[in-house]
Amino acid sequence: MERPAWAPPGIDISVPSVSRMYDFYLGGSHNFEVDREAARKALEFMPGLPKIMQANRAFMRRAVRHAVDNDVTQFLDIGSGIPTFGNVHEVARAADPAARVVYVDHDPVAVAHSRAVLDGDEAAAVVAADLRKPADILHSPEVTRLLDLDRPVALLLVAVLHFLEDEDRPYEAVAQLIDSLAPGSLLVVTHASYEGIPLSQEQAGGTVGVYRNIRNPLVMRSGAEITRFFDGTEMVEPGLVPMPAWRPDSPVEEEDPYAFSGFAGVGRKA
């Protein structure tokens, strides 16, 4: 297998990555054949996956604008993946040029590409770290330099929590992050669920199986289970809803049915 020139040295390009699969769904070019092969298998069961990813991105952009509208101009995006057009720092700065952003990911390709995109940008940075170790993130030099945790921060956990199994203690990780943030901070979440998918659970489970086979289990949680992540915050209207239904920019009825798969919400720390 030929190694692309942009691939960071030392990574195994024979193992699929969820962030590179996500990049493939969105039409990006920073993915390997092994990622595309796994993604195509997932698409056999759930052909609307690209629509779900697009709905994730659209919600993220609306949530970022909501944060800036409420004077939150610091962003901590964990599980940020490979940068694509309309990323957090671009959306935030369109609303407030002084916005500061720290991206966090544990995928070497995502980190390397993010650093290339942000080269020379003094108000944005990327951290190589894992959501399961919140202290490593909070005490990283990049967070310490760019974010003032005594002021409100928007914590983005978009399409990442469903890759943590219960034994990874995701609720504790999120609680630790929220506890470290100032009052007025925002928690922004999207999460996969069987609820809302326009397929039988059996067919959708085929996609879950693909992720399990590449050793990145996709955990489909219920709306009630996802709501637990917002403990310690007050839900912002309209609460936990399908992604297109959160403060939409366009008529919800025009959205693709797959866009309603899973949930999105924003919580505010009192």
Protein backbone atom coordinates (compact mmCIF):
# COMPACT_ATOMS: atom_id res chain seq x y z
CA MET A 1 0.00 0.00 0.00
CA GLU A 2 1.51 3.32 -1.08
CA ARG A 3 1.76 5.94 1.67
CA PRO A 4 0.40 9.37 0.63
CA ALA A 5 2.86 12.24 1.04
CA TRP A 6 0.52 13.96 3.53
CA ALA A 7 0.21 10.93 5.83
CA PRO A 8 2.05 11.51 9.13
CA PRO A 9 4.97 9.11 9.61
CA GLY A 10 4.45 6.28 12.03
CA ILE A 11 0.70 5.78 11.60
CA ASP A 12 -0.71 2.47 10.38
CA ILE A 13 -2.49 3.19 7.11
CA SER A 14 -3.89 -0.33 7.03
CA VAL A 15 -6.27 0.35 9.94
CA PRO A 16 -9.50 2.34 9.35
CA SER A 17 -10.07 5.55 11.30
CA VAL A 18 -13.48 6.95 12.19
CA SER A 19 -12.30 10.53 11.59
CA ARG A 20 -11.04 9.66 8.12
CA MET A 21 -14.27 7.77 7.38
CA TYR A 22 -16.16 10.91 8.43
CA ASP A 23 -13.95 12.90 6.06
CA PHE A 24 -14.86 10.47 3.26
CA TYR A 25 -18.60 10.80 3.95
CA LEU A 26 -18.25 14.57 3.65
CA GLY A 27 -16.40 14.30 0.34
CA GLY A 28 -12.95 15.06 1.76
CA SER A 29 -9.63 13.81 0.42
CA HIS A 30 -7.77 13.00 3.65
CA ASN A 31 -8.66 9.34 3.86
CA PHE A 32 -7.04 6.07 2.81
CA GLU A 33 -8.44 3.17 0.81
CA VAL A 34 -8.91 1.19 4.01
CA ASP A 35 -11.13 4.01 5.34
CA ARG A 36 -13.10 4.18 2.11
CA GLU A 37 -13.61 0.42 2.11
CA ALA A 38 -14.99 0.45 5.65
CA ALA A 39 -17.16 3.48 4.88
CA ARG A 40 -18.61 1.83 1.78
CA LYS A 41 -19.53 -1.22 3.86
CA ALA A 42 -21.32 1.03 6.36
CA LEU A 43 -23.12 2.78 3.51
CA GLU A 44 -24.48 -0.56 2.28
CA PHE A 45 -26.59 -0.73 5.43
CA MET A 46 -27.21 3.00 5.90
CA PRO A 47 -26.91 4.88 2.60
CA GLY A 48 -27.91 8.16 4.25
CA LEU A 49 -24.75 8.43 6.36
CA PRO A 50 -23.44 11.46 4.38
CA LYS A 51 -26.73 13.26 5.08
CA ILE A 52 -26.33 12.54 8.79
CA MET A 53 -22.79 13.94 8.75
CA GLN A 54 -23.95 17.04 6.87
CA ALA A 55 -26.70 17.57 9.46
CA ASN A 56 -24.05 17.28 12.19
CA ARG A 57 -21.96 19.99 10.56
CA ALA A 58 -24.94 22.26 9.98
CA PHE A 59 -26.02 21.96 13.62
CA MET A 60 -22.47 22.66 14.78
CA ARG A 61 -22.38 25.88 12.77
CA ARG A 62 -25.73 27.04 14.22
CA ALA A 63 -24.58 26.20 17.75
CA VAL A 64 -21.33 28.15 17.28
CA ARG A 65 -23.25 31.19 16.07
CA HIS A 66 -25.60 30.83 19.05
CA ALA A 67 -22.59 30.80 21.38
CA VAL A 68 -21.14 33.99 19.91
CA ASP A 69 -24.57 35.65 20.00
CA ASN A 70 -24.51 34.95 23.74
CA ASP A 71 -21.01 36.39 24.23
CA VAL A 72 -19.23 33.02 24.36
CA THR A 73 -16.20 33.41 22.11
CA GLN A 74 -13.94 30.63 23.42
CA PHE A 75 -14.34 27.15 21.94
CA LEU A 76 -13.01 23.75 22.96
CA ASP A 77 -13.85 21.25 20.20
CA ILE A 78 -13.08 17.68 21.33
CA GLY A 79 -13.15 14.97 18.69
CA SER A 80 -12.81 17.67 16.07
CA GLY A 81 -11.65 15.37 13.28
CA ILE A 82 -10.13 16.50 10.00
CA PRO A 83 -10.82 20.17 9.22
CA THR A 84 -13.38 20.81 6.51
CA PHE A 85 -14.87 23.98 5.07
CA GLY A 86 -16.93 25.83 7.67
CA ASN A 87 -14.96 24.60 10.66
CA VAL A 88 -15.45 26.07 14.15
CA HIS A 89 -12.80 28.80 13.94
CA GLU A 90 -14.14 30.00 10.58
CA VAL A 91 -17.75 30.15 11.76
CA ALA A 92 -16.88 31.74 15.09
CA ARG A 93 -14.65 34.42 13.58
CA ALA A 94 -17.23 35.33 10.99
CA ALA A 95 -19.37 36.34 13.97
CA ASP A 96 -16.54 37.66 16.18
CA PRO A 97 -12.98 38.02 14.83
CA ALA A 98 -11.60 37.75 18.38
CA ALA A 99 -12.86 34.17 18.87
CA ARG A 100 -10.36 31.60 20.13
CA VAL A 101 -10.53 27.89 19.35
CA VAL A 102 -8.72 24.79 20.56
CA TYR A 103 -9.30 21.58 18.64
CA VAL A 104 -8.69 18.18 20.23
CA ASP A 105 -8.37 14.79 18.57
CA HIS A 106 -6.47 11.56 19.09
CA ASP A 107 -6.25 10.62 15.40
CA PRO A 108 -2.72 11.46 14.12
CA VAL A 109 -4.01 12.38 10.65
CA ALA A 110 -6.64 14.73 12.10
CA VAL A 111 -4.04 16.37 14.35
CA ALA A 112 -1.42 16.71 11.62
CA HIS A 113 -3.85 18.16 9.10
CA SER A 114 -5.33 20.52 11.68
CA ARG A 115 -1.86 21.82 12.52
CA ALA A 116 -1.20 22.44 8.84
CA VAL A 117 -4.47 24.33 8.45
CA LEU A 118 -3.83 26.41 11.58
CA ASP A 119 -0.15 27.12 10.90
CA GLY A 120 0.55 30.73 11.82
CA ASP A 121 -2.86 31.19 13.47
CA GLU A 122 -2.15 32.59 16.93
CA ALA A 123 -5.77 32.31 18.12
CA ALA A 124 -6.34 28.62 17.32
CA ALA A 125 -4.49 25.42 18.11
CA VAL A 126 -4.84 21.65 18.11
CA VAL A 127 -4.15 19.21 20.95
CA ALA A 128 -3.36 15.53 20.50
CA ALA A 129 -5.39 14.06 23.35
CA ASP A 130 -8.23 11.71 24.21
CA LEU A 131 -11.66 12.64 25.57
CA ARG A 132 -11.32 9.81 28.06
CA LYS A 133 -8.54 11.77 29.78
CA PRO A 134 -10.04 15.23 30.43
CA ALA A 135 -7.15 16.39 32.63
CA ASP A 136 -4.71 15.95 29.74
CA ILE A 137 -6.87 18.28 27.67
CA LEU A 138 -7.55 20.88 30.35
CA HIS A 139 -3.89 21.14 31.38
CA SER A 140 -2.45 21.08 27.87
CA PRO A 141 -0.22 24.05 26.92
CA GLU A 142 -2.60 24.96 24.09
CA VAL A 143 -5.65 25.23 26.36
CA THR A 144 -3.65 27.06 29.02
CA ARG A 145 -2.37 29.55 26.45
CA LEU A 146 -5.52 30.22 24.47
CA LEU A 147 -8.51 29.69 26.76
CA ASP A 148 -9.37 31.51 29.96
CA LEU A 149 -11.33 28.90 31.92
CA ASP A 150 -12.51 31.59 34.32
CA ARG A 151 -14.64 32.89 31.47
CA PRO A 152 -17.38 30.98 29.57
CA VAL A 153 -16.27 28.37 27.05
CA ALA A 154 -18.32 26.48 24.48
CA LEU A 155 -17.44 22.79 24.84
CA LEU A 156 -18.20 20.96 21.59
CA LEU A 157 -18.67 17.18 21.66
CA VAL A 158 -20.08 16.71 18.18
CA ALA A 159 -20.36 13.13 16.88
CA VAL A 160 -17.79 11.82 19.37
CA LEU A 161 -19.54 10.55 22.52
CA HIS A 162 -21.10 7.64 20.64
CA PHE A 163 -17.59 6.25 20.15
CA LEU A 164 -17.15 5.86 23.91
CA GLU A 165 -18.52 2.72 25.50
CA ASP A 166 -19.97 2.79 28.99
CA GLU A 167 -16.80 1.20 30.38
CA ASP A 168 -14.92 4.28 29.09
CA ARG A 169 -16.94 6.25 31.67
CA PRO A 170 -18.09 8.94 29.24
CA TYR A 171 -20.52 10.53 31.70
CA GLU A 172 -17.70 11.06 34.18
CA ALA A 173 -15.45 12.54 31.50
CA VAL A 174 -18.10 15.04 30.42
CA ALA A 175 -18.92 15.93 34.03
CA GLN A 176 -15.24 16.58 34.74
CA LEU A 177 -15.01 18.88 31.74
CA ILE A 178 -18.16 20.79 32.68
CA ASP A 179 -17.01 21.14 36.29
CA SER A 180 -13.82 22.81 35.05
CA LEU A 181 -15.67 25.45 33.04
CA ALA A 182 -17.01 28.80 34.21
CA PRO A 183 -20.72 29.56 34.69
CA GLY A 184 -22.27 30.60 31.40
CA SER A 185 -20.30 27.95 29.50
CA LEU A 186 -22.11 25.88 26.89
CA LEU A 187 -22.12 22.14 26.21
CA VAL A 188 -22.82 21.31 22.54
CA VAL A 189 -23.57 17.64 21.76
CA THR A 190 -24.69 15.43 18.92
CA HIS A 191 -25.08 11.69 19.45
CA ALA A 192 -26.14 8.71 17.36
CA SER A 193 -29.29 6.83 18.29
CA TYR A 194 -31.59 4.25 16.76
CA GLU A 195 -34.34 6.77 17.40
CA GLY A 196 -35.18 8.73 14.27
CA ILE A 197 -33.31 6.58 11.75
CA PRO A 198 -35.61 5.83 8.76
CA LEU A 199 -34.56 2.16 8.83
CA SER A 200 -35.29 -0.88 10.91
CA GLN A 201 -33.02 -1.29 13.92
CA GLU A 202 -31.82 -4.55 12.38
CA GLN A 203 -30.62 -2.84 9.20
CA ALA A 204 -29.12 0.11 11.04
CA GLY A 205 -27.38 -2.41 13.25
CA GLY A 206 -25.41 -3.53 10.21
CA THR A 207 -23.60 -0.19 10.23
CA VAL A 208 -22.99 -0.53 13.97
CA GLY A 209 -21.44 -3.90 13.19
CA VAL A 210 -19.04 -2.36 10.67
CA TYR A 211 -17.71 0.03 13.30
CA ARG A 212 -17.43 -2.78 15.82
CA ASN A 213 -15.40 -4.81 13.32
CA ILE A 214 -12.87 -1.99 12.93
CA ARG A 215 -12.58 -1.81 16.74
CA ASN A 216 -14.33 1.54 17.03
CA PRO A 217 -17.68 0.54 18.53
CA LEU A 218 -20.56 2.86 17.69
CA VAL A 219 -22.78 3.10 20.77
CA MET A 220 -26.40 3.94 19.95
CA ARG A 221 -27.90 5.58 23.05
CA SER A 222 -31.51 6.53 23.73
CA GLY A 223 -32.66 10.11 24.05
CA ALA A 224 -32.89 9.65 27.83
CA GLU A 225 -29.33 8.32 27.98
CA ILE A 226 -28.03 11.21 25.88
CA THR A 227 -29.84 13.73 28.09
CA ARG A 228 -27.75 12.50 31.04
CA PHE A 229 -24.67 14.09 29.46
CA PHE A 230 -26.25 17.48 30.16
CA ASP A 231 -26.37 16.97 33.93
CA GLY A 232 -25.04 20.13 35.52
CA THR A 233 -26.40 22.35 32.76
CA GLU A 234 -29.74 23.84 31.83
CA MET A 235 -30.94 22.81 28.38
CA VAL A 236 -31.24 25.64 25.89
CA GLU A 237 -34.51 25.71 23.95
CA PRO A 238 -35.69 23.62 22.14
CA GLY A 239 -33.91 21.00 24.26
CA LEU A 240 -32.62 17.67 22.95
CA VAL A 241 -34.07 17.25 19.45
CA PRO A 242 -33.18 15.78 16.05
CA MET A 243 -30.34 17.80 14.53
CA PRO A 244 -32.34 19.74 11.90
CA ALA A 245 -34.91 20.76 14.55
CA TRP A 246 -32.42 22.71 16.68
CA ARG A 247 -33.00 26.38 15.79
CA PRO A 248 -33.21 25.67 12.04
CA ASP A 249 -32.18 28.16 9.36
CA SER A 250 -34.55 26.64 6.80
CA PRO A 251 -37.85 24.72 6.83
CA VAL A 252 -37.37 21.44 8.66
CA GLU A 253 -39.76 19.63 6.33
CA GLU A 254 -37.29 20.15 3.47
CA GLU A 255 -34.60 18.08 5.22
CA ASP A 256 -33.63 14.59 4.13
CA PRO A 257 -35.19 11.93 6.43
CA TYR A 258 -31.74 10.65 7.38
CA ALA A 259 -30.85 14.04 8.86
CA PHE A 260 -33.24 13.29 11.73
CA SER A 261 -31.14 10.32 12.89
CA GLY A 262 -29.86 10.83 16.42
CA PHE A 263 -30.03 13.89 18.63
CA ALA A 264 -28.52 17.34 19.19
CA GLY A 265 -28.68 19.74 22.09
CA VAL A 266 -27.03 22.64 23.87
CA GLY A 267 -26.81 23.04 27.63
CA ARG A 268 -25.76 26.12 29.62
CA LYS A 269 -23.88 25.89 32.90
CA ALA A 270 -25.62 28.04 35.48
